[in-house]
Amino acid sequence: MLEDLLEGAGRSIVFGVVGIGLMAVGFVLVDLLTPGKLRDLIWVEKNPNAALLLTANQLGIAAIVFTSIFTTWDSFGQGLASTALFGLIGIAIMGLAFLVLDWMTPGKLGEVICTQEKHPGAVVSAASHFGAAVIVCACIA
């Protein structure tokens, strides 16, 4: 019993590290899609639009990681590979969703995200990001 508990704890640590790594990659993606430094936009300038987009991104990645782990719990290696692969695919699809929305709307979406006043375009962009992640979750399940 103790052996099973320790094995589960070890797996949790590994999946946690992979999940946090994917979330870091998601942060970099949002940083690349928006002008300026994302960390300054959110933590220094307290920009609500950038915070909303990053929140949707991070929750989307967490949903993908959760779904991947949950659907492959009986095989650690398969679950780990699935989590990494689908996490990266999800991040790429979220980036694509941002670019498509940017193409379909007037102006530059990155600039909209960087405006200090709350902007409805940021809400739509966040929904697009999270929606893309949910699509990937459905593909995993």
N, C-alpha and C. Protein backbone atom coordinates (compact mmCIF):
# COMPACT_ATOMS: atom_id res chain seq x y z
N MET A 1 0.82 -1.20 0.00
CA MET A 1 0.00 0.00 0.00
C MET A 1 0.86 1.26 0.00
N LEU A 2 1.90 1.28 0.82
CA LEU A 2 2.80 2.43 0.87
C LEU A 2 3.51 2.60 -0.47
N GLU A 3 3.85 1.47 -1.09
CA GLU A 3 4.51 1.52 -2.40
C GLU A 3 3.61 2.18 -3.44
N ASP A 4 2.32 1.82 -3.44
CA ASP A 4 1.36 2.42 -4.37
C ASP A 4 1.21 3.92 -4.11
N LEU A 5 1.19 4.28 -2.84
CA LEU A 5 1.07 5.69 -2.46
C LEU A 5 2.27 6.48 -2.94
N LEU A 6 3.46 5.94 -2.74
CA LEU A 6 4.68 6.63 -3.18
C LEU A 6 4.76 6.71 -4.70
N GLU A 7 4.33 5.64 -5.37
CA GLU A 7 4.32 5.66 -6.84
C GLU A 7 3.36 6.73 -7.35
N GLY A 8 2.18 6.80 -6.75
CA GLY A 8 1.21 7.83 -7.14
C GLY A 8 1.74 9.23 -6.88
N ALA A 9 2.41 9.41 -5.75
CA ALA A 9 2.98 10.72 -5.43
C ALA A 9 4.06 11.10 -6.45
N GLY A 10 4.87 10.14 -6.82
CA GLY A 10 5.92 10.39 -7.82
C GLY A 10 5.33 10.78 -9.16
N ARG A 11 4.28 10.06 -9.56
CA ARG A 11 3.62 10.38 -10.82
C ARG A 11 3.00 11.78 -10.76
N SER A 12 2.42 12.12 -9.63
CA SER A 12 1.84 13.46 -9.48
C SER A 12 2.89 14.54 -9.65
N ILE A 13 4.05 14.30 -9.10
CA ILE A 13 5.13 15.29 -9.23
C ILE A 13 5.55 15.43 -10.69
N VAL A 14 5.71 14.31 -11.38
CA VAL A 14 6.13 14.36 -12.79
C VAL A 14 5.07 15.05 -13.64
N PHE A 15 3.81 14.65 -13.48
CA PHE A 15 2.75 15.29 -14.25
C PHE A 15 2.63 16.77 -13.88
N GLY A 16 2.82 17.10 -12.62
CA GLY A 16 2.78 18.49 -12.20
C GLY A 16 3.86 19.32 -12.87
N VAL A 17 5.06 18.79 -12.94
CA VAL A 17 6.17 19.49 -13.59
C VAL A 17 5.89 19.67 -15.08
N VAL A 18 5.38 18.61 -15.73
CA VAL A 18 5.05 18.72 -17.16
C VAL A 18 3.93 19.75 -17.36
N GLY A 19 2.90 19.71 -16.52
CA GLY A 19 1.81 20.67 -16.63
C GLY A 19 2.27 22.10 -16.44
N ILE A 20 3.11 22.33 -15.45
CA ILE A 20 3.63 23.68 -15.22
C ILE A 20 4.51 24.12 -16.38
N GLY A 21 5.28 23.19 -16.93
CA GLY A 21 6.10 23.50 -18.10
C GLY A 21 5.25 23.92 -19.29
N LEU A 22 4.15 23.19 -19.51
CA LEU A 22 3.23 23.55 -20.59
C LEU A 22 2.59 24.91 -20.34
N MET A 23 2.25 25.19 -19.10
CA MET A 23 1.68 26.49 -18.77
C MET A 23 2.69 27.61 -19.01
N ALA A 24 3.96 27.32 -18.76
CA ALA A 24 5.01 28.31 -19.04
C ALA A 24 5.12 28.56 -20.55
N VAL A 25 5.01 27.49 -21.34
CA VAL A 25 5.02 27.65 -22.80
C VAL A 25 3.80 28.47 -23.24
N GLY A 26 2.66 28.24 -22.62
CA GLY A 26 1.46 29.04 -22.91
C GLY A 26 1.67 30.51 -22.59
N PHE A 27 2.34 30.78 -21.49
CA PHE A 27 2.66 32.16 -21.13
C PHE A 27 3.52 32.80 -22.23
N VAL A 28 4.52 32.08 -22.69
CA VAL A 28 5.40 32.59 -23.74
C VAL A 28 4.59 32.85 -25.01
N LEU A 29 3.66 31.96 -25.33
CA LEU A 29 2.82 32.17 -26.52
C LEU A 29 2.05 33.48 -26.42
N VAL A 30 1.36 33.70 -25.31
CA VAL A 30 0.59 34.93 -25.14
C VAL A 30 1.52 36.14 -25.17
N ASP A 31 2.70 36.00 -24.59
CA ASP A 31 3.68 37.09 -24.61
C ASP A 31 4.08 37.43 -26.05
N LEU A 32 4.25 36.39 -26.88
CA LEU A 32 4.63 36.62 -28.28
C LEU A 32 3.48 37.23 -29.09
N LEU A 33 2.25 36.90 -28.74
CA LEU A 33 1.09 37.38 -29.50
C LEU A 33 0.69 38.81 -29.15
N THR A 34 1.16 39.29 -28.02
CA THR A 34 0.80 40.64 -27.59
C THR A 34 2.04 41.53 -27.58
N PRO A 35 1.88 42.79 -27.97
CA PRO A 35 3.03 43.71 -27.93
C PRO A 35 3.47 43.99 -26.49
N GLY A 36 4.73 44.25 -26.32
CA GLY A 36 5.25 44.54 -24.98
C GLY A 36 5.52 43.26 -24.20
N LYS A 37 5.92 43.45 -22.96
CA LYS A 37 6.18 42.31 -22.09
C LYS A 37 4.92 41.98 -21.30
N LEU A 38 4.47 40.75 -21.42
CA LEU A 38 3.25 40.33 -20.77
C LEU A 38 3.33 40.49 -19.25
N ARG A 39 4.45 40.16 -18.67
CA ARG A 39 4.58 40.28 -17.22
C ARG A 39 4.42 41.72 -16.76
N ASP A 40 4.92 42.67 -17.54
CA ASP A 40 4.74 44.09 -17.19
C ASP A 40 3.29 44.52 -17.40
N LEU A 41 2.69 44.05 -18.51
CA LEU A 41 1.29 44.41 -18.78
C LEU A 41 0.39 44.01 -17.62
N ILE A 42 0.61 42.81 -17.09
CA ILE A 42 -0.29 42.30 -16.06
C ILE A 42 0.11 42.77 -14.67
N TRP A 43 1.37 42.59 -14.28
CA TRP A 43 1.74 42.82 -12.90
C TRP A 43 2.16 44.26 -12.60
N VAL A 44 2.60 45.00 -13.60
CA VAL A 44 2.99 46.40 -13.37
C VAL A 44 1.85 47.34 -13.78
N GLU A 45 1.36 47.17 -15.02
CA GLU A 45 0.32 48.05 -15.53
C GLU A 45 -1.08 47.60 -15.13
N LYS A 46 -1.20 46.40 -14.60
CA LYS A 46 -2.49 45.83 -14.16
C LYS A 46 -3.53 45.84 -15.28
N ASN A 47 -3.09 45.41 -16.47
CA ASN A 47 -3.94 45.42 -17.65
C ASN A 47 -4.96 44.28 -17.58
N PRO A 48 -6.27 44.61 -17.52
CA PRO A 48 -7.29 43.57 -17.37
C PRO A 48 -7.45 42.70 -18.63
N ASN A 49 -7.20 43.26 -19.80
CA ASN A 49 -7.36 42.51 -21.04
C ASN A 49 -6.29 41.43 -21.18
N ALA A 50 -5.05 41.80 -20.90
CA ALA A 50 -3.96 40.83 -20.96
C ALA A 50 -4.14 39.75 -19.90
N ALA A 51 -4.59 40.15 -18.72
CA ALA A 51 -4.82 39.18 -17.64
C ALA A 51 -5.92 38.20 -18.03
N LEU A 52 -6.98 38.69 -18.66
CA LEU A 52 -8.07 37.81 -19.08
C LEU A 52 -7.59 36.80 -20.13
N LEU A 53 -6.84 37.26 -21.10
CA LEU A 53 -6.34 36.36 -22.14
C LEU A 53 -5.40 35.31 -21.55
N LEU A 54 -4.50 35.73 -20.68
CA LEU A 54 -3.59 34.76 -20.06
C LEU A 54 -4.34 33.78 -19.17
N THR A 55 -5.35 34.26 -18.46
CA THR A 55 -6.16 33.38 -17.63
C THR A 55 -6.82 32.29 -18.47
N ALA A 56 -7.43 32.68 -19.59
CA ALA A 56 -8.06 31.71 -20.48
C ALA A 56 -7.04 30.71 -21.01
N ASN A 57 -5.86 31.20 -21.34
CA ASN A 57 -4.79 30.34 -21.82
C ASN A 57 -4.37 29.32 -20.77
N GLN A 58 -4.14 29.78 -19.56
CA GLN A 58 -3.68 28.90 -18.50
C GLN A 58 -4.74 27.88 -18.10
N LEU A 59 -6.00 28.31 -18.03
CA LEU A 59 -7.09 27.38 -17.72
C LEU A 59 -7.28 26.37 -18.85
N GLY A 60 -7.12 26.81 -20.08
CA GLY A 60 -7.22 25.91 -21.22
C GLY A 60 -6.14 24.84 -21.20
N ILE A 61 -4.93 25.25 -20.92
CA ILE A 61 -3.83 24.28 -20.83
C ILE A 61 -4.06 23.33 -19.67
N ALA A 62 -4.51 23.85 -18.54
CA ALA A 62 -4.80 22.98 -17.40
C ALA A 62 -5.89 21.96 -17.75
N ALA A 63 -6.90 22.38 -18.51
CA ALA A 63 -7.96 21.46 -18.92
C ALA A 63 -7.41 20.36 -19.83
N ILE A 64 -6.53 20.73 -20.74
CA ILE A 64 -5.91 19.75 -21.62
C ILE A 64 -5.08 18.76 -20.81
N VAL A 65 -4.27 19.26 -19.90
CA VAL A 65 -3.44 18.39 -19.06
C VAL A 65 -4.32 17.45 -18.23
N PHE A 66 -5.36 18.00 -17.61
CA PHE A 66 -6.28 17.18 -16.82
C PHE A 66 -6.90 16.08 -17.67
N THR A 67 -7.43 16.44 -18.83
CA THR A 67 -8.10 15.46 -19.69
C THR A 67 -7.14 14.37 -20.14
N SER A 68 -5.92 14.78 -20.47
CA SER A 68 -4.93 13.81 -20.91
C SER A 68 -4.56 12.83 -19.80
N ILE A 69 -4.35 13.34 -18.62
CA ILE A 69 -4.00 12.47 -17.49
C ILE A 69 -5.19 11.58 -17.14
N PHE A 70 -6.36 12.15 -17.08
CA PHE A 70 -7.56 11.43 -16.66
C PHE A 70 -7.89 10.27 -17.59
N THR A 71 -7.67 10.47 -18.89
CA THR A 71 -8.03 9.43 -19.85
C THR A 71 -6.96 8.36 -20.02
N THR A 72 -5.77 8.56 -19.46
CA THR A 72 -4.68 7.58 -19.60
C THR A 72 -4.08 7.22 -18.26
N TRP A 73 -4.88 7.23 -17.21
CA TRP A 73 -4.37 7.04 -15.85
C TRP A 73 -3.74 5.68 -15.63
N ASP A 74 -4.11 4.68 -16.41
CA ASP A 74 -3.59 3.34 -16.17
C ASP A 74 -2.21 3.11 -16.78
N SER A 75 -1.73 3.98 -17.64
CA SER A 75 -0.41 3.83 -18.24
C SER A 75 0.37 5.13 -18.05
N PHE A 76 1.33 5.11 -17.15
CA PHE A 76 2.10 6.31 -16.83
C PHE A 76 2.83 6.86 -18.06
N GLY A 77 3.52 5.99 -18.78
CA GLY A 77 4.27 6.45 -19.96
C GLY A 77 3.37 7.02 -21.03
N GLN A 78 2.26 6.34 -21.30
CA GLN A 78 1.31 6.83 -22.30
C GLN A 78 0.69 8.15 -21.84
N GLY A 79 0.36 8.23 -20.57
CA GLY A 79 -0.22 9.46 -20.04
C GLY A 79 0.74 10.63 -20.13
N LEU A 80 2.00 10.38 -19.83
CA LEU A 80 3.01 11.44 -19.88
C LEU A 80 3.22 11.92 -21.32
N ALA A 81 3.35 10.96 -22.24
CA ALA A 81 3.53 11.32 -23.66
C ALA A 81 2.30 12.04 -24.19
N SER A 82 1.12 11.55 -23.84
CA SER A 82 -0.13 12.17 -24.28
C SER A 82 -0.24 13.59 -23.74
N THR A 83 0.10 13.78 -22.48
CA THR A 83 0.02 15.10 -21.87
C THR A 83 0.94 16.08 -22.58
N ALA A 84 2.18 15.67 -22.81
CA ALA A 84 3.13 16.57 -23.48
C ALA A 84 2.69 16.87 -24.91
N LEU A 85 2.32 15.83 -25.65
CA LEU A 85 1.94 16.01 -27.05
C LEU A 85 0.68 16.85 -27.20
N PHE A 86 -0.39 16.46 -26.51
CA PHE A 86 -1.63 17.21 -26.64
C PHE A 86 -1.53 18.61 -26.03
N GLY A 87 -0.70 18.76 -25.02
CA GLY A 87 -0.47 20.10 -24.46
C GLY A 87 0.15 21.03 -25.49
N LEU A 88 1.17 20.54 -26.19
CA LEU A 88 1.81 21.36 -27.22
C LEU A 88 0.88 21.62 -28.41
N ILE A 89 0.11 20.58 -28.78
CA ILE A 89 -0.87 20.78 -29.86
C ILE A 89 -1.90 21.83 -29.43
N GLY A 90 -2.38 21.74 -28.21
CA GLY A 90 -3.35 22.71 -27.71
C GLY A 90 -2.81 24.12 -27.73
N ILE A 91 -1.57 24.29 -27.31
CA ILE A 91 -0.95 25.62 -27.31
C ILE A 91 -0.86 26.16 -28.74
N ALA A 92 -0.47 25.30 -29.67
CA ALA A 92 -0.38 25.72 -31.07
C ALA A 92 -1.76 26.11 -31.61
N ILE A 93 -2.78 25.33 -31.27
CA ILE A 93 -4.13 25.63 -31.76
C ILE A 93 -4.67 26.91 -31.12
N MET A 94 -4.34 27.14 -29.85
CA MET A 94 -4.75 28.40 -29.23
C MET A 94 -4.09 29.58 -29.93
N GLY A 95 -2.81 29.44 -30.28
CA GLY A 95 -2.13 30.50 -31.03
C GLY A 95 -2.76 30.73 -32.39
N LEU A 96 -3.12 29.63 -33.05
CA LEU A 96 -3.79 29.74 -34.35
C LEU A 96 -5.15 30.42 -34.20
N ALA A 97 -5.89 30.08 -33.17
CA ALA A 97 -7.19 30.71 -32.93
C ALA A 97 -7.03 32.22 -32.76
N PHE A 98 -5.99 32.64 -32.04
CA PHE A 98 -5.72 34.07 -31.86
C PHE A 98 -5.45 34.73 -33.21
N LEU A 99 -4.61 34.09 -34.03
CA LEU A 99 -4.25 34.67 -35.33
C LEU A 99 -5.46 34.74 -36.27
N VAL A 100 -6.30 33.71 -36.25
CA VAL A 100 -7.50 33.73 -37.10
C VAL A 100 -8.45 34.84 -36.64
N LEU A 101 -8.64 34.95 -35.34
CA LEU A 101 -9.51 36.03 -34.83
C LEU A 101 -8.93 37.39 -35.17
N ASP A 102 -7.62 37.53 -35.08
CA ASP A 102 -6.95 38.78 -35.44
C ASP A 102 -7.21 39.10 -36.91
N TRP A 103 -7.14 38.11 -37.75
CA TRP A 103 -7.37 38.28 -39.18
C TRP A 103 -8.81 38.68 -39.47
N MET A 104 -9.76 38.16 -38.70
CA MET A 104 -11.18 38.38 -38.95
C MET A 104 -11.72 39.69 -38.37
N THR A 105 -10.96 40.34 -37.53
CA THR A 105 -11.45 41.53 -36.85
C THR A 105 -10.65 42.77 -37.27
N PRO A 106 -11.24 43.95 -37.12
CA PRO A 106 -10.53 45.17 -37.50
C PRO A 106 -9.37 45.47 -36.53
N GLY A 107 -8.35 46.11 -37.04
CA GLY A 107 -7.21 46.48 -36.20
C GLY A 107 -6.35 45.27 -35.86
N LYS A 108 -5.48 45.47 -34.88
CA LYS A 108 -4.60 44.39 -34.43
C LYS A 108 -5.07 43.92 -33.06
N LEU A 109 -5.36 42.65 -32.94
CA LEU A 109 -5.89 42.10 -31.70
C LEU A 109 -4.89 42.26 -30.56
N GLY A 110 -3.61 42.13 -30.84
CA GLY A 110 -2.60 42.31 -29.80
C GLY A 110 -2.66 43.70 -29.19
N GLU A 111 -2.91 44.70 -30.01
CA GLU A 111 -3.02 46.07 -29.51
C GLU A 111 -4.28 46.24 -28.67
N VAL A 112 -5.37 45.57 -29.07
CA VAL A 112 -6.61 45.61 -28.29
C VAL A 112 -6.35 45.02 -26.90
N ILE A 113 -5.62 43.91 -26.87
CA ILE A 113 -5.32 43.24 -25.60
C ILE A 113 -4.49 44.17 -24.70
N CYS A 114 -3.67 45.01 -25.30
CA CYS A 114 -2.77 45.88 -24.52
C CYS A 114 -3.42 47.19 -24.08
N THR A 115 -4.63 47.49 -24.54
CA THR A 115 -5.27 48.72 -24.08
C THR A 115 -5.60 48.60 -22.60
N GLN A 116 -5.52 49.68 -21.91
CA GLN A 116 -5.72 49.67 -20.46
C GLN A 116 -7.19 49.51 -20.07
N GLU A 117 -8.08 50.05 -20.87
CA GLU A 117 -9.51 49.94 -20.58
C GLU A 117 -10.01 48.56 -20.99
N LYS A 118 -10.97 48.03 -20.23
CA LYS A 118 -11.55 46.74 -20.60
C LYS A 118 -12.13 46.84 -22.00
N HIS A 119 -11.85 45.81 -22.80
CA HIS A 119 -12.29 45.81 -24.19
C HIS A 119 -13.02 44.50 -24.48
N PRO A 120 -14.19 44.56 -25.14
CA PRO A 120 -14.93 43.34 -25.45
C PRO A 120 -14.14 42.37 -26.32
N GLY A 121 -13.23 42.90 -27.13
CA GLY A 121 -12.41 42.04 -27.97
C GLY A 121 -11.53 41.10 -27.15
N ALA A 122 -11.14 41.53 -25.96
CA ALA A 122 -10.34 40.68 -25.09
C ALA A 122 -11.17 39.51 -24.58
N VAL A 123 -12.44 39.76 -24.30
CA VAL A 123 -13.33 38.69 -23.84
C VAL A 123 -13.52 37.66 -24.96
N VAL A 124 -13.73 38.14 -26.18
CA VAL A 124 -13.90 37.24 -27.32
C VAL A 124 -12.62 36.45 -27.55
N SER A 125 -11.50 37.12 -27.46
CA SER A 125 -10.21 36.44 -27.65
C SER A 125 -9.99 35.37 -26.58
N ALA A 126 -10.31 35.69 -25.34
CA ALA A 126 -10.16 34.72 -24.25
C ALA A 126 -11.07 33.52 -24.48
N ALA A 127 -12.31 33.77 -24.92
CA ALA A 127 -13.23 32.67 -25.20
C ALA A 127 -12.71 31.81 -26.35
N SER A 128 -12.13 32.43 -27.34
CA SER A 128 -11.55 31.71 -28.47
C SER A 128 -10.40 30.82 -28.01
N HIS A 129 -9.56 31.37 -27.14
CA HIS A 129 -8.43 30.61 -26.59
C HIS A 129 -8.93 29.39 -25.82
N PHE A 130 -9.87 29.62 -24.92
CA PHE A 130 -10.37 28.53 -24.10
C PHE A 130 -11.17 27.54 -24.94
N GLY A 131 -11.93 28.04 -25.89
CA GLY A 131 -12.68 27.16 -26.79
C GLY A 131 -11.77 26.24 -27.58
N ALA A 132 -10.65 26.77 -28.05
CA ALA A 132 -9.68 25.95 -28.77
C ALA A 132 -9.15 24.83 -27.87
N ALA A 133 -8.91 25.16 -26.61
CA ALA A 133 -8.43 24.15 -25.67
C ALA A 133 -9.47 23.07 -25.41
N VAL A 134 -10.73 23.46 -25.30
CA VAL A 134 -11.81 22.50 -25.07
C VAL A 134 -11.94 21.55 -26.27
N ILE A 135 -11.73 22.07 -27.47
CA ILE A 135 -11.76 21.22 -28.65
C ILE A 135 -10.68 20.15 -28.55
N VAL A 136 -9.49 20.54 -28.13
CA VAL A 136 -8.41 19.57 -27.95
C VAL A 136 -8.77 18.55 -26.87
N CYS A 137 -9.39 19.01 -25.79
CA CYS A 137 -9.84 18.10 -24.73
C CYS A 137 -10.78 17.04 -25.30
N ALA A 138 -11.70 17.45 -26.15
CA ALA A 138 -12.64 16.51 -26.75
C ALA A 138 -11.92 15.49 -27.63
N CYS A 139 -10.88 15.93 -28.32
CA CYS A 139 -10.10 15.02 -29.16
C CYS A 139 -9.36 13.99 -28.33
N ILE A 140 -8.93 14.37 -27.14
CA ILE A 140 -8.23 13.45 -26.25
C ILE A 140 -9.18 12.40 -25.73
N ALA A 141 -10.36 12.86 -25.31
CA ALA A 141 -11.33 11.96 -24.69
C ALA A 141 -11.95 11.07 -25.74
